[in-house]
Amino acid sequence: MKYEELEEKIIQWAKDRNILENSNAIKQISKTQEELDETLEALKKLNAHKGSDNLIVRSEIMNEVADGIGDMLVTIILLAKAVDLESLVCLEMAYNEIKNRKGKMVDGLFVKEK
């Protein structure tokens, strides 16, 4: 399924549950933070099992990570909708801002040139 189709389905899902009319941008970003924290915990578990031969445990943790990323995307789509933006437009704006950015990796993070 294409991103735009999923975005429409997510927005309709939220409308069907009165999420958009009974929430606001602050509550949505708080939900994103909650999902981010859960994903961080799953990533910590994944890191702790790095190199483990237990493929079942690693697979379960990877499912937690994937679920967390998906949940964050849902909350971001709803956040954009809450402030009358389209998430794909926001993503395109961010890409256009970074596409020619130069920098270097420092301690596992990309640091942009000034």
PDB file of N, CA and C in Angstrom:
ATOM      1  N   MET A   1       0.850  -1.185   0.000  1.00  0.00           N
ATOM      2  CA  MET A   1       0.000   0.000   0.000  1.00  0.00           C
ATOM      3  C   MET A   1       0.891   1.241   0.000  1.00  0.00           C
ATOM      4  N   LYS A   2       0.492   2.237  -0.731  1.00  0.00           N
ATOM      5  CA  LYS A   2       1.257   3.483  -0.799  1.00  0.00           C
ATOM      6  C   LYS A   2       1.051   4.325   0.468  1.00  0.00           C
ATOM      7  N   TYR A   3       2.054   5.154   0.749  1.00  0.00           N
ATOM      8  CA  TYR A   3       2.021   5.993   1.950  1.00  0.00           C
ATOM      9  C   TYR A   3       0.744   6.830   2.005  1.00  0.00           C
ATOM     10  N   GLU A   4       0.391   7.442   0.886  1.00  0.00           N
ATOM     11  CA  GLU A   4      -0.782   8.324   0.861  1.00  0.00           C
ATOM     12  C   GLU A   4      -2.058   7.559   1.222  1.00  0.00           C
ATOM     13  N   GLU A   5      -2.166   6.316   0.742  1.00  0.00           N
ATOM     14  CA  GLU A   5      -3.340   5.496   1.053  1.00  0.00           C
ATOM     15  C   GLU A   5      -3.379   5.177   2.551  1.00  0.00           C
ATOM     16  N   LEU A   6      -2.237   4.809   3.098  1.00  0.00           N
ATOM     17  CA  LEU A   6      -2.176   4.528   4.529  1.00  0.00           C
ATOM     18  C   LEU A   6      -2.493   5.772   5.351  1.00  0.00           C
ATOM     19  N   GLU A   7      -1.973   6.911   4.918  1.00  0.00           N
ATOM     20  CA  GLU A   7      -2.248   8.165   5.622  1.00  0.00           C
ATOM     21  C   GLU A   7      -3.760   8.418   5.664  1.00  0.00           C
ATOM     22  N   GLU A   8      -4.437   8.253   4.527  1.00  0.00           N
ATOM     23  CA  GLU A   8      -5.889   8.448   4.477  1.00  0.00           C
ATOM     24  C   GLU A   8      -6.606   7.476   5.408  1.00  0.00           C
ATOM     25  N   LYS A   9      -6.178   6.221   5.404  1.00  0.00           N
ATOM     26  CA  LYS A   9      -6.809   5.216   6.265  1.00  0.00           C
ATOM     27  C   LYS A   9      -6.599   5.537   7.749  1.00  0.00           C
ATOM     28  N   ILE A  10      -5.406   6.016   8.091  1.00  0.00           N
ATOM     29  CA  ILE A  10      -5.110   6.379   9.484  1.00  0.00           C
ATOM     30  C   ILE A  10      -5.964   7.561   9.915  1.00  0.00           C
ATOM     31  N   ILE A  11      -6.075   8.559   9.054  1.00  0.00           N
ATOM     32  CA  ILE A  11      -6.903   9.727   9.379  1.00  0.00           C
ATOM     33  C   ILE A  11      -8.370   9.319   9.525  1.00  0.00           C
ATOM     34  N   GLN A  12      -8.845   8.446   8.634  1.00  0.00           N
ATOM     35  CA  GLN A  12     -10.224   7.979   8.744  1.00  0.00           C
ATOM     36  C   GLN A  12     -10.424   7.166  10.022  1.00  0.00           C
ATOM     37  N   TRP A  13      -9.441   6.321  10.355  1.00  0.00           N
ATOM     38  CA  TRP A  13      -9.484   5.537  11.594  1.00  0.00           C
ATOM     39  C   TRP A  13      -9.629   6.482  12.794  1.00  0.00           C
ATOM     40  N   ALA A  14      -8.851   7.565  12.802  1.00  0.00           N
ATOM     41  CA  ALA A  14      -8.899   8.537  13.902  1.00  0.00           C
ATOM     42  C   ALA A  14     -10.244   9.265  13.939  1.00  0.00           C
ATOM     43  N   LYS A  15     -10.763   9.602  12.773  1.00  0.00           N
ATOM     44  CA  LYS A  15     -12.073  10.261  12.717  1.00  0.00           C
ATOM     45  C   LYS A  15     -13.163   9.333  13.249  1.00  0.00           C
ATOM     46  N   ASP A  16     -13.095   8.067  12.852  1.00  0.00           N
ATOM     47  CA  ASP A  16     -14.101   7.090  13.286  1.00  0.00           C
ATOM     48  C   ASP A  16     -14.114   6.926  14.798  1.00  0.00           C
ATOM     49  N   ARG A  17     -13.000   7.209  15.431  1.00  0.00           N
ATOM     50  CA  ARG A  17     -12.878   7.052  16.881  1.00  0.00           C
ATOM     51  C   ARG A  17     -12.904   8.394  17.621  1.00  0.00           C
ATOM     52  N   ASN A  18     -13.255   9.454  16.887  1.00  0.00           N
ATOM     53  CA  ASN A  18     -13.349  10.807  17.442  1.00  0.00           C
ATOM     54  C   ASN A  18     -12.040  11.295  18.046  1.00  0.00           C
ATOM     55  N   ILE A  19     -10.937  10.773  17.567  1.00  0.00           N
ATOM     56  CA  ILE A  19      -9.629  11.178  18.094  1.00  0.00           C
ATOM     57  C   ILE A  19      -9.313  12.608  17.689  1.00  0.00           C
ATOM     58  N   LEU A  20      -9.526  12.931  16.431  1.00  0.00           N
ATOM     59  CA  LEU A  20      -9.150  14.264  15.952  1.00  0.00           C
ATOM     60  C   LEU A  20     -10.005  15.367  16.570  1.00  0.00           C
ATOM     61  N   GLU A  21     -11.278  15.112  16.737  1.00  0.00           N
ATOM     62  CA  GLU A  21     -12.149  16.159  17.287  1.00  0.00           C
ATOM     63  C   GLU A  21     -12.039  16.293  18.803  1.00  0.00           C
ATOM     64  N   ASN A  22     -11.497  15.278  19.462  1.00  0.00           N
ATOM     65  CA  ASN A  22     -11.387  15.315  20.917  1.00  0.00           C
ATOM     66  C   ASN A  22      -9.949  15.408  21.408  1.00  0.00           C
ATOM     67  N   SER A  23      -9.052  15.748  20.528  1.00  0.00           N
ATOM     68  CA  SER A  23      -7.651  15.861  20.896  1.00  0.00           C
ATOM     69  C   SER A  23      -7.112  17.194  20.392  1.00  0.00           C
ATOM     70  N   ASN A  24      -5.820  17.393  20.570  1.00  0.00           N
ATOM     71  CA  ASN A  24      -5.179  18.587  20.026  1.00  0.00           C
ATOM     72  C   ASN A  24      -3.711  18.263  19.766  1.00  0.00           C
ATOM     73  N   ALA A  25      -3.005  19.205  19.204  1.00  0.00           N
ATOM     74  CA  ALA A  25      -1.614  18.967  18.809  1.00  0.00           C
ATOM     75  C   ALA A  25      -0.725  18.624  20.006  1.00  0.00           C
ATOM     76  N   ILE A  26      -0.946  19.261  21.131  1.00  0.00           N
ATOM     77  CA  ILE A  26      -0.122  19.000  22.320  1.00  0.00           C
ATOM     78  C   ILE A  26      -0.331  17.560  22.791  1.00  0.00           C
ATOM     79  N   LYS A  27      -1.578  17.116  22.806  1.00  0.00           N
ATOM     80  CA  LYS A  27      -1.859  15.738  23.213  1.00  0.00           C
ATOM     81  C   LYS A  27      -1.265  14.751  22.209  1.00  0.00           C
ATOM     82  N   GLN A  28      -1.313  15.092  20.939  1.00  0.00           N
ATOM     83  CA  GLN A  28      -0.750  14.203  19.917  1.00  0.00           C
ATOM     84  C   GLN A  28       0.767  14.097  20.042  1.00  0.00           C
ATOM     85  N   ILE A  29       1.446  15.203  20.283  1.00  0.00           N
ATOM     86  CA  ILE A  29       2.901  15.140  20.424  1.00  0.00           C
ATOM     87  C   ILE A  29       3.263  14.394  21.704  1.00  0.00           C
ATOM     88  N   SER A  30       2.418  14.491  22.715  1.00  0.00           N
ATOM     89  CA  SER A  30       2.641  13.719  23.944  1.00  0.00           C
ATOM     90  C   SER A  30       2.517  12.226  23.665  1.00  0.00           C
ATOM     91  N   LYS A  31       1.560  11.857  22.836  1.00  0.00           N
ATOM     92  CA  LYS A  31       1.401  10.459  22.453  1.00  0.00           C
ATOM     93  C   LYS A  31       2.611  10.006  21.643  1.00  0.00           C
ATOM     94  N   THR A  32       3.120  10.871  20.787  1.00  0.00           N
ATOM     95  CA  THR A  32       4.331  10.547  20.029  1.00  0.00           C
ATOM     96  C   THR A  32       5.495  10.296  20.979  1.00  0.00           C
ATOM     97  N   GLN A  33       5.620  11.121  22.006  1.00  0.00           N
ATOM     98  CA  GLN A  33       6.691  10.949  22.995  1.00  0.00           C
ATOM     99  C   GLN A  33       6.554   9.606  23.712  1.00  0.00           C
ATOM    100  N   GLU A  34       5.329   9.260  24.053  1.00  0.00           N
ATOM    101  CA  GLU A  34       5.075   7.973  24.708  1.00  0.00           C
ATOM    102  C   GLU A  34       5.528   6.814  23.808  1.00  0.00           C
ATOM    103  N   GLU A  35       5.173   6.895  22.532  1.00  0.00           N
ATOM    104  CA  GLU A  35       5.563   5.842  21.585  1.00  0.00           C
ATOM    105  C   GLU A  35       7.076   5.849  21.358  1.00  0.00           C
ATOM    106  N   LEU A  36       7.680   7.028  21.342  1.00  0.00           N
ATOM    107  CA  LEU A  36       9.132   7.139  21.205  1.00  0.00           C
ATOM    108  C   LEU A  36       9.826   6.460  22.379  1.00  0.00           C
ATOM    109  N   ASP A  37       9.346   6.706  23.581  1.00  0.00           N
ATOM    110  CA  ASP A  37       9.931   6.096  24.774  1.00  0.00           C
ATOM    111  C   ASP A  37       9.827   4.575  24.722  1.00  0.00           C
ATOM    112  N   GLU A  38       8.680   4.062  24.275  1.00  0.00           N
ATOM    113  CA  GLU A  38       8.507   2.617  24.158  1.00  0.00           C
ATOM    114  C   GLU A  38       9.468   2.041  23.111  1.00  0.00           C
ATOM    115  N   THR A  39       9.646   2.749  22.019  1.00  0.00           N
ATOM    116  CA  THR A  39      10.559   2.296  20.964  1.00  0.00           C
ATOM    117  C   THR A  39      11.995   2.323  21.453  1.00  0.00           C
ATOM    118  N   LEU A  40      12.344   3.338  22.217  1.00  0.00           N
ATOM    119  CA  LEU A  40      13.679   3.417  22.788  1.00  0.00           C
ATOM    120  C   LEU A  40      13.948   2.210  23.683  1.00  0.00           C
ATOM    121  N   GLU A  41      12.983   1.835  24.503  1.00  0.00           N
ATOM    122  CA  GLU A  41      13.149   0.674  25.375  1.00  0.00           C
ATOM    123  C   GLU A  41      13.328  -0.605  24.549  1.00  0.00           C
ATOM    124  N   ALA A  42      12.566  -0.734  23.484  1.00  0.00           N
ATOM    125  CA  ALA A  42      12.705  -1.905  22.612  1.00  0.00           C
ATOM    126  C   ALA A  42      14.086  -1.924  21.953  1.00  0.00           C
ATOM    127  N   LEU A  43      14.580  -0.764  21.544  1.00  0.00           N
ATOM    128  CA  LEU A  43      15.915  -0.686  20.938  1.00  0.00           C
ATOM    129  C   LEU A  43      17.004  -1.028  21.945  1.00  0.00           C
ATOM    130  N   LYS A  44      16.804  -0.641  23.192  1.00  0.00           N
ATOM    131  CA  LYS A  44      17.768  -0.999  24.237  1.00  0.00           C
ATOM    132  C   LYS A  44      17.800  -2.513  24.431  1.00  0.00           C
ATOM    133  N   LYS A  45      16.609  -3.133  24.405  1.00  0.00           N
ATOM    134  CA  LYS A  45      16.554  -4.592  24.513  1.00  0.00           C
ATOM    135  C   LYS A  45      17.246  -5.240  23.318  1.00  0.00           C
ATOM    136  N   LEU A  46      17.013  -4.681  22.136  1.00  0.00           N
ATOM    137  CA  LEU A  46      17.647  -5.213  20.927  1.00  0.00           C
ATOM    138  C   LEU A  46      19.162  -5.123  21.038  1.00  0.00           C
ATOM    139  N   ASN A  47      19.645  -3.991  21.509  1.00  0.00           N
ATOM    140  CA  ASN A  47      21.080  -3.792  21.675  1.00  0.00           C
ATOM    141  C   ASN A  47      21.657  -4.779  22.696  1.00  0.00           C
ATOM    142  N   ALA A  48      20.906  -5.041  23.750  1.00  0.00           N
ATOM    143  CA  ALA A  48      21.359  -5.980  24.779  1.00  0.00           C
ATOM    144  C   ALA A  48      21.451  -7.406  24.234  1.00  0.00           C
ATOM    145  N   HIS A  49      20.665  -7.711  23.212  1.00  0.00           N
ATOM    146  CA  HIS A  49      20.674  -9.043  22.608  1.00  0.00           C
ATOM    147  C   HIS A  49      21.496  -9.081  21.316  1.00  0.00           C
ATOM    148  N   LYS A  50      22.283  -8.045  21.088  1.00  0.00           N
ATOM    149  CA  LYS A  50      23.129  -7.985  19.886  1.00  0.00           C
ATOM    150  C   LYS A  50      24.072  -9.194  19.890  1.00  0.00           C
ATOM    151  N   GLY A  51      24.121  -9.876  18.788  1.00  0.00           N
ATOM    152  CA  GLY A  51      24.990 -11.037  18.691  1.00  0.00           C
ATOM    153  C   GLY A  51      24.407 -12.296  19.306  1.00  0.00           C
ATOM    154  N   SER A  52      23.206 -12.201  19.852  1.00  0.00           N
ATOM    155  CA  SER A  52      22.572 -13.362  20.466  1.00  0.00           C
ATOM    156  C   SER A  52      22.197 -14.378  19.392  1.00  0.00           C
ATOM    157  N   ASP A  53      22.314 -15.635  19.747  1.00  0.00           N
ATOM    158  CA  ASP A  53      21.911 -16.706  18.841  1.00  0.00           C
ATOM    159  C   ASP A  53      20.428 -17.025  18.958  1.00  0.00           C
ATOM    160  N   ASN A  54      19.753 -16.409  19.932  1.00  0.00           N
ATOM    161  CA  ASN A  54      18.343 -16.675  20.143  1.00  0.00           C
ATOM    162  C   ASN A  54      17.518 -15.858  19.145  1.00  0.00           C
ATOM    163  N   LEU A  55      17.276 -16.461  17.987  1.00  0.00           N
ATOM    164  CA  LEU A  55      16.579 -15.754  16.911  1.00  0.00           C
ATOM    165  C   LEU A  55      15.125 -15.464  17.250  1.00  0.00           C
ATOM    166  N   ILE A  56      14.522 -16.279  18.074  1.00  0.00           N
ATOM    167  CA  ILE A  56      13.123 -16.046  18.459  1.00  0.00           C
ATOM    168  C   ILE A  56      13.017 -14.769  19.282  1.00  0.00           C
ATOM    169  N   VAL A  57      13.903 -14.612  20.267  1.00  0.00           N
ATOM    170  CA  VAL A  57      13.895 -13.407  21.102  1.00  0.00           C
ATOM    171  C   VAL A  57      14.196 -12.193  20.247  1.00  0.00           C
ATOM    172  N   ARG A  58      15.221 -12.270  19.393  1.00  0.00           N
ATOM    173  CA  ARG A  58      15.569 -11.134  18.526  1.00  0.00           C
ATOM    174  C   ARG A  58      14.399 -10.776  17.607  1.00  0.00           C
ATOM    175  N   SER A  59      13.713 -11.786  17.083  1.00  0.00           N
ATOM    176  CA  SER A  59      12.570 -11.543  16.206  1.00  0.00           C
ATOM    177  C   SER A  59      11.443 -10.844  16.963  1.00  0.00           C
ATOM    178  N   GLU A  60      11.179 -11.284  18.194  1.00  0.00           N
ATOM    179  CA  GLU A  60      10.144 -10.646  19.016  1.00  0.00           C
ATOM    180  C   GLU A  60      10.506  -9.187  19.298  1.00  0.00           C
ATOM    181  N   ILE A  61      11.772  -8.939  19.594  1.00  0.00           N
ATOM    182  CA  ILE A  61      12.204  -7.566  19.878  1.00  0.00           C
ATOM    183  C   ILE A  61      12.117  -6.720  18.607  1.00  0.00           C
ATOM    184  N   MET A  62      12.505  -7.288  17.470  1.00  0.00           N
ATOM    185  CA  MET A  62      12.394  -6.551  16.210  1.00  0.00           C
ATOM    186  C   MET A  62      10.940  -6.185  15.920  1.00  0.00           C
ATOM    187  N   ASN A  63      10.010  -7.084  16.266  1.00  0.00           N
ATOM    188  CA  ASN A  63       8.592  -6.773  16.103  1.00  0.00           C
ATOM    189  C   ASN A  63       8.189  -5.610  17.005  1.00  0.00           C
ATOM    190  N   GLU A  64       8.729  -5.553  18.223  1.00  0.00           N
ATOM    191  CA  GLU A  64       8.456  -4.427  19.129  1.00  0.00           C
ATOM    192  C   GLU A  64       8.976  -3.125  18.534  1.00  0.00           C
ATOM    193  N   VAL A  65      10.184  -3.176  17.964  1.00  0.00           N
ATOM    194  CA  VAL A  65      10.780  -1.984  17.350  1.00  0.00           C
ATOM    195  C   VAL A  65       9.925  -1.530  16.167  1.00  0.00           C
ATOM    196  N   ALA A  66       9.554  -2.474  15.304  1.00  0.00           N
ATOM    197  CA  ALA A  66       8.733  -2.136  14.134  1.00  0.00           C
ATOM    198  C   ALA A  66       7.388  -1.556  14.559  1.00  0.00           C
ATOM    199  N   ASP A  67       6.781  -2.158  15.581  1.00  0.00           N
ATOM    200  CA  ASP A  67       5.505  -1.655  16.087  1.00  0.00           C
ATOM    201  C   ASP A  67       5.661  -0.234  16.622  1.00  0.00           C
ATOM    202  N   GLY A  68       6.748   0.010  17.333  1.00  0.00           N
ATOM    203  CA  GLY A  68       6.996   1.344  17.880  1.00  0.00           C
ATOM    204  C   GLY A  68       7.182   2.388  16.790  1.00  0.00           C
ATOM    205  N   ILE A  69       7.939   2.030  15.771  1.00  0.00           N
ATOM    206  CA  ILE A  69       8.135   2.961  14.655  1.00  0.00           C
ATOM    207  C   ILE A  69       6.801   3.240  13.972  1.00  0.00           C
ATOM    208  N   GLY A  70       6.025   2.202  13.743  1.00  0.00           N
ATOM    209  CA  GLY A  70       4.706   2.389  13.136  1.00  0.00           C
ATOM    210  C   GLY A  70       3.799   3.253  13.986  1.00  0.00           C
ATOM    211  N   ASP A  71       3.800   2.998  15.299  1.00  0.00           N
ATOM    212  CA  ASP A  71       2.970   3.806  16.202  1.00  0.00           C
ATOM    213  C   ASP A  71       3.391   5.274  16.179  1.00  0.00           C
ATOM    214  N   MET A  72       4.703   5.515  16.119  1.00  0.00           N
ATOM    215  CA  MET A  72       5.172   6.909  16.038  1.00  0.00           C
ATOM    216  C   MET A  72       4.695   7.555  14.747  1.00  0.00           C
ATOM    217  N   LEU A  73       4.761   6.814  13.646  1.00  0.00           N
ATOM    218  CA  LEU A  73       4.299   7.365  12.370  1.00  0.00           C
ATOM    219  C   LEU A  73       2.813   7.712  12.420  1.00  0.00           C
ATOM    220  N   VAL A  74       2.026   6.846  13.042  1.00  0.00           N
ATOM    221  CA  VAL A  74       0.590   7.132  13.188  1.00  0.00           C
ATOM    222  C   VAL A  74       0.392   8.432  13.960  1.00  0.00           C
ATOM    223  N   THR A  75       1.088   8.580  15.087  1.00  0.00           N
ATOM    224  CA  THR A  75       0.895   9.792  15.896  1.00  0.00           C
ATOM    225  C   THR A  75       1.397  11.035  15.169  1.00  0.00           C
ATOM    226  N   ILE A  76       2.439  10.903  14.365  1.00  0.00           N
ATOM    227  CA  ILE A  76       2.947  12.045  13.587  1.00  0.00           C
ATOM    228  C   ILE A  76       1.942  12.443  12.506  1.00  0.00           C
ATOM    229  N   ILE A  77       1.350  11.447  11.850  1.00  0.00           N
ATOM    230  CA  ILE A  77       0.321  11.743  10.840  1.00  0.00           C
ATOM    231  C   ILE A  77      -0.844  12.488  11.489  1.00  0.00           C
ATOM    232  N   LEU A  78      -1.263  12.033  12.665  1.00  0.00           N
ATOM    233  CA  LEU A  78      -2.387  12.685  13.353  1.00  0.00           C
ATOM    234  C   LEU A  78      -1.994  14.056  13.884  1.00  0.00           C
ATOM    235  N   LEU A  79      -0.753  14.219  14.298  1.00  0.00           N
ATOM    236  CA  LEU A  79      -0.268  15.532  14.724  1.00  0.00           C
ATOM    237  C   LEU A  79      -0.320  16.515  13.558  1.00  0.00           C
ATOM    238  N   ALA A  80       0.171  16.088  12.405  1.00  0.00           N
ATOM    239  CA  ALA A  80       0.132  16.958  11.227  1.00  0.00           C
ATOM    240  C   ALA A  80      -1.306  17.352  10.908  1.00  0.00           C
ATOM    241  N   LYS A  81      -2.202  16.376  10.934  1.00  0.00           N
ATOM    242  CA  LYS A  81      -3.617  16.652  10.654  1.00  0.00           C
ATOM    243  C   LYS A  81      -4.202  17.618  11.682  1.00  0.00           C
ATOM    244  N   ALA A  82      -3.793  17.481  12.931  1.00  0.00           N
ATOM    245  CA  ALA A  82      -4.314  18.345  14.003  1.00  0.00           C
ATOM    246  C   ALA A  82      -3.960  19.812  13.779  1.00  0.00           C
ATOM    247  N   VAL A  83      -2.876  20.072  13.045  1.00  0.00           N
ATOM    248  CA  VAL A  83      -2.481  21.461  12.772  1.00  0.00           C
ATOM    249  C   VAL A  83      -2.666  21.799  11.288  1.00  0.00           C
ATOM    250  N   ASP A  84      -3.538  21.025  10.624  1.00  0.00           N
ATOM    251  CA  ASP A  84      -3.891  21.252   9.209  1.00  0.00           C
ATOM    252  C   ASP A  84      -2.701  21.188   8.266  1.00  0.00           C
ATOM    253  N   LEU A  85      -1.837  20.219   8.503  1.00  0.00           N
ATOM    254  CA  LEU A  85      -0.724  19.946   7.595  1.00  0.00           C
ATOM    255  C   LEU A  85      -0.842  18.515   7.093  1.00  0.00           C
ATOM    256  N   GLU A  86      -0.143  18.226   6.008  1.00  0.00           N
ATOM    257  CA  GLU A  86      -0.061  16.858   5.506  1.00  0.00           C
ATOM    258  C   GLU A  86       1.323  16.328   5.852  1.00  0.00           C
ATOM    259  N   SER A  87       1.363  15.141   6.432  1.00  0.00           N
ATOM    260  CA  SER A  87       2.643  14.594   6.870  1.00  0.00           C
ATOM    261  C   SER A  87       3.621  14.428   5.708  1.00  0.00           C
ATOM    262  N   LEU A  88       3.132  14.064   4.539  1.00  0.00           N
ATOM    263  CA  LEU A  88       4.017  13.892   3.393  1.00  0.00           C
ATOM    264  C   LEU A  88       4.635  15.220   2.967  1.00  0.00           C
ATOM    265  N   VAL A  89       3.887  16.303   3.066  1.00  0.00           N
ATOM    266  CA  VAL A  89       4.419  17.633   2.771  1.00  0.00           C
ATOM    267  C   VAL A  89       5.506  17.995   3.789  1.00  0.00           C
ATOM    268  N   CYS A  90       5.260  17.687   5.061  1.00  0.00           N
ATOM    269  CA  CYS A  90       6.257  17.945   6.106  1.00  0.00           C
ATOM    270  C   CYS A  90       7.530  17.144   5.841  1.00  0.00           C
ATOM    271  N   LEU A  91       7.356  15.885   5.451  1.00  0.00           N
ATOM    272  CA  LEU A  91       8.497  15.023   5.162  1.00  0.00           C
ATOM    273  C   LEU A  91       9.281  15.551   3.966  1.00  0.00           C
ATOM    274  N   GLU A  92       8.581  15.988   2.940  1.00  0.00           N
ATOM    275  CA  GLU A  92       9.247  16.544   1.759  1.00  0.00           C
ATOM    276  C   GLU A  92      10.012  17.817   2.114  1.00  0.00           C
ATOM    277  N   MET A  93       9.425  18.654   2.956  1.00  0.00           N
ATOM    278  CA  MET A  93      10.116  19.870   3.393  1.00  0.00           C
ATOM    279  C   MET A  93      11.404  19.519   4.137  1.00  0.00           C
ATOM    280  N   ALA A  94      11.321  18.530   5.010  1.00  0.00           N
ATOM    281  CA  ALA A  94      12.500  18.112   5.766  1.00  0.00           C
ATOM    282  C   ALA A  94      13.567  17.555   4.822  1.00  0.00           C
ATOM    283  N   TYR A  95      13.147  16.750   3.857  1.00  0.00           N
ATOM    284  CA  TYR A  95      14.114  16.198   2.907  1.00  0.00           C
ATOM    285  C   TYR A  95      14.798  17.307   2.117  1.00  0.00           C
ATOM    286  N   ASN A  96      14.005  18.258   1.640  1.00  0.00           N
ATOM    287  CA  ASN A  96      14.584  19.360   0.869  1.00  0.00           C
ATOM    288  C   ASN A  96      15.581  20.162   1.694  1.00  0.00           C
ATOM    289  N   GLU A  97      15.357  20.208   2.991  1.00  0.00           N
ATOM    290  CA  GLU A  97      16.275  20.926   3.878  1.00  0.00           C
ATOM    291  C   GLU A  97      17.582  20.155   4.098  1.00  0.00           C
ATOM    292  N   ILE A  98      17.505  18.841   4.119  1.00  0.00           N
ATOM    293  CA  ILE A  98      18.701  18.046   4.431  1.00  0.00           C
ATOM    294  C   ILE A  98      19.435  17.494   3.214  1.00  0.00           C
ATOM    295  N   LYS A  99      18.801  17.469   2.053  1.00  0.00           N
ATOM    296  CA  LYS A  99      19.343  16.719   0.920  1.00  0.00           C
ATOM    297  C   LYS A  99      20.751  17.130   0.511  1.00  0.00           C
ATOM    298  N   ASN A 100      21.118  18.358   0.694  1.00  0.00           N
ATOM    299  CA  ASN A 100      22.467  18.807   0.327  1.00  0.00           C
ATOM    300  C   ASN A 100      23.334  19.102   1.545  1.00  0.00           C
ATOM    301  N   ARG A 101      22.845  18.729   2.699  1.00  0.00           N
ATOM    302  CA  ARG A 101      23.552  19.009   3.945  1.00  0.00           C
ATOM    303  C   ARG A 101      24.840  18.195   4.011  1.00  0.00           C
ATOM    304  N   LYS A 102      25.886  18.827   4.480  1.00  0.00           N
ATOM    305  CA  LYS A 102      27.166  18.169   4.677  1.00  0.00           C
ATOM    306  C   LYS A 102      27.467  18.155   6.168  1.00  0.00           C
ATOM    307  N   GLY A 103      28.257  17.187   6.559  1.00  0.00           N
ATOM    308  CA  GLY A 103      28.615  17.061   7.957  1.00  0.00           C
ATOM    309  C   GLY A 103      29.454  15.822   8.159  1.00  0.00           C
ATOM    310  N   LYS A 104      29.515  15.384   9.393  1.00  0.00           N
ATOM    311  CA  LYS A 104      30.319  14.197   9.707  1.00  0.00           C
ATOM    312  C   LYS A 104      29.677  13.430  10.844  1.00  0.00           C
ATOM    313  N   MET A 105      30.099  12.186  10.965  1.00  0.00           N
ATOM    314  CA  MET A 105      29.612  11.335  12.037  1.00  0.00           C
ATOM    315  C   MET A 105      30.481  11.543  13.276  1.00  0.00           C
ATOM    316  N   VAL A 106      29.819  11.801  14.409  1.00  0.00           N
ATOM    317  CA  VAL A 106      30.505  11.968  15.692  1.00  0.00           C
ATOM    318  C   VAL A 106      29.772  11.108  16.718  1.00  0.00           C
ATOM    319  N   ASP A 107      30.459  10.116  17.252  1.00  0.00           N
ATOM    320  CA  ASP A 107      29.869   9.218  18.254  1.00  0.00           C
ATOM    321  C   ASP A 107      28.541   8.624  17.798  1.00  0.00           C
ATOM    322  N   GLY A 108      28.470   8.231  16.517  1.00  0.00           N
ATOM    323  CA  GLY A 108      27.279   7.586  16.002  1.00  0.00           C
ATOM    324  C   GLY A 108      26.162   8.521  15.590  1.00  0.00           C
ATOM    325  N   LEU A 109      26.399   9.825  15.639  1.00  0.00           N
ATOM    326  CA  LEU A 109      25.388  10.818  15.232  1.00  0.00           C
ATOM    327  C   LEU A 109      25.941  11.684  14.113  1.00  0.00           C
ATOM    328  N   PHE A 110      25.072  12.054  13.166  1.00  0.00           N
ATOM    329  CA  PHE A 110      25.458  12.962  12.099  1.00  0.00           C
ATOM    330  C   PHE A 110      25.401  14.394  12.635  1.00  0.00           C
ATOM    331  N   VAL A 111      26.525  15.106  12.525  1.00  0.00           N
ATOM    332  CA  VAL A 111      26.585  16.500  12.953  1.00  0.00           C
ATOM    333  C   VAL A 111      26.782  17.336  11.704  1.00  0.00           C
ATOM    334  N   LYS A 112      25.820  18.233  11.445  1.00  0.00           N
ATOM    335  CA  LYS A 112      25.896  19.029  10.223  1.00  0.00           C
ATOM    336  C   LYS A 112      26.958  20.102  10.331  1.00  0.00           C
ATOM    337  N   GLU A 113      27.499  20.434   9.152  1.00  0.00           N
ATOM    338  CA  GLU A 113      28.450  21.540   9.092  1.00  0.00           C
ATOM    339  C   GLU A 113      27.708  22.837   9.341  1.00  0.00           C
ATOM    340  N   LYS A 114      28.398  23.795   9.908  1.00  0.00           N
ATOM    341  CA  LYS A 114      27.778  25.113  10.165  1.00  0.00           C
ATOM    342  C   LYS A 114      27.842  25.957   8.921  1.00  0.00           C
TER     343      LYS A 114
END
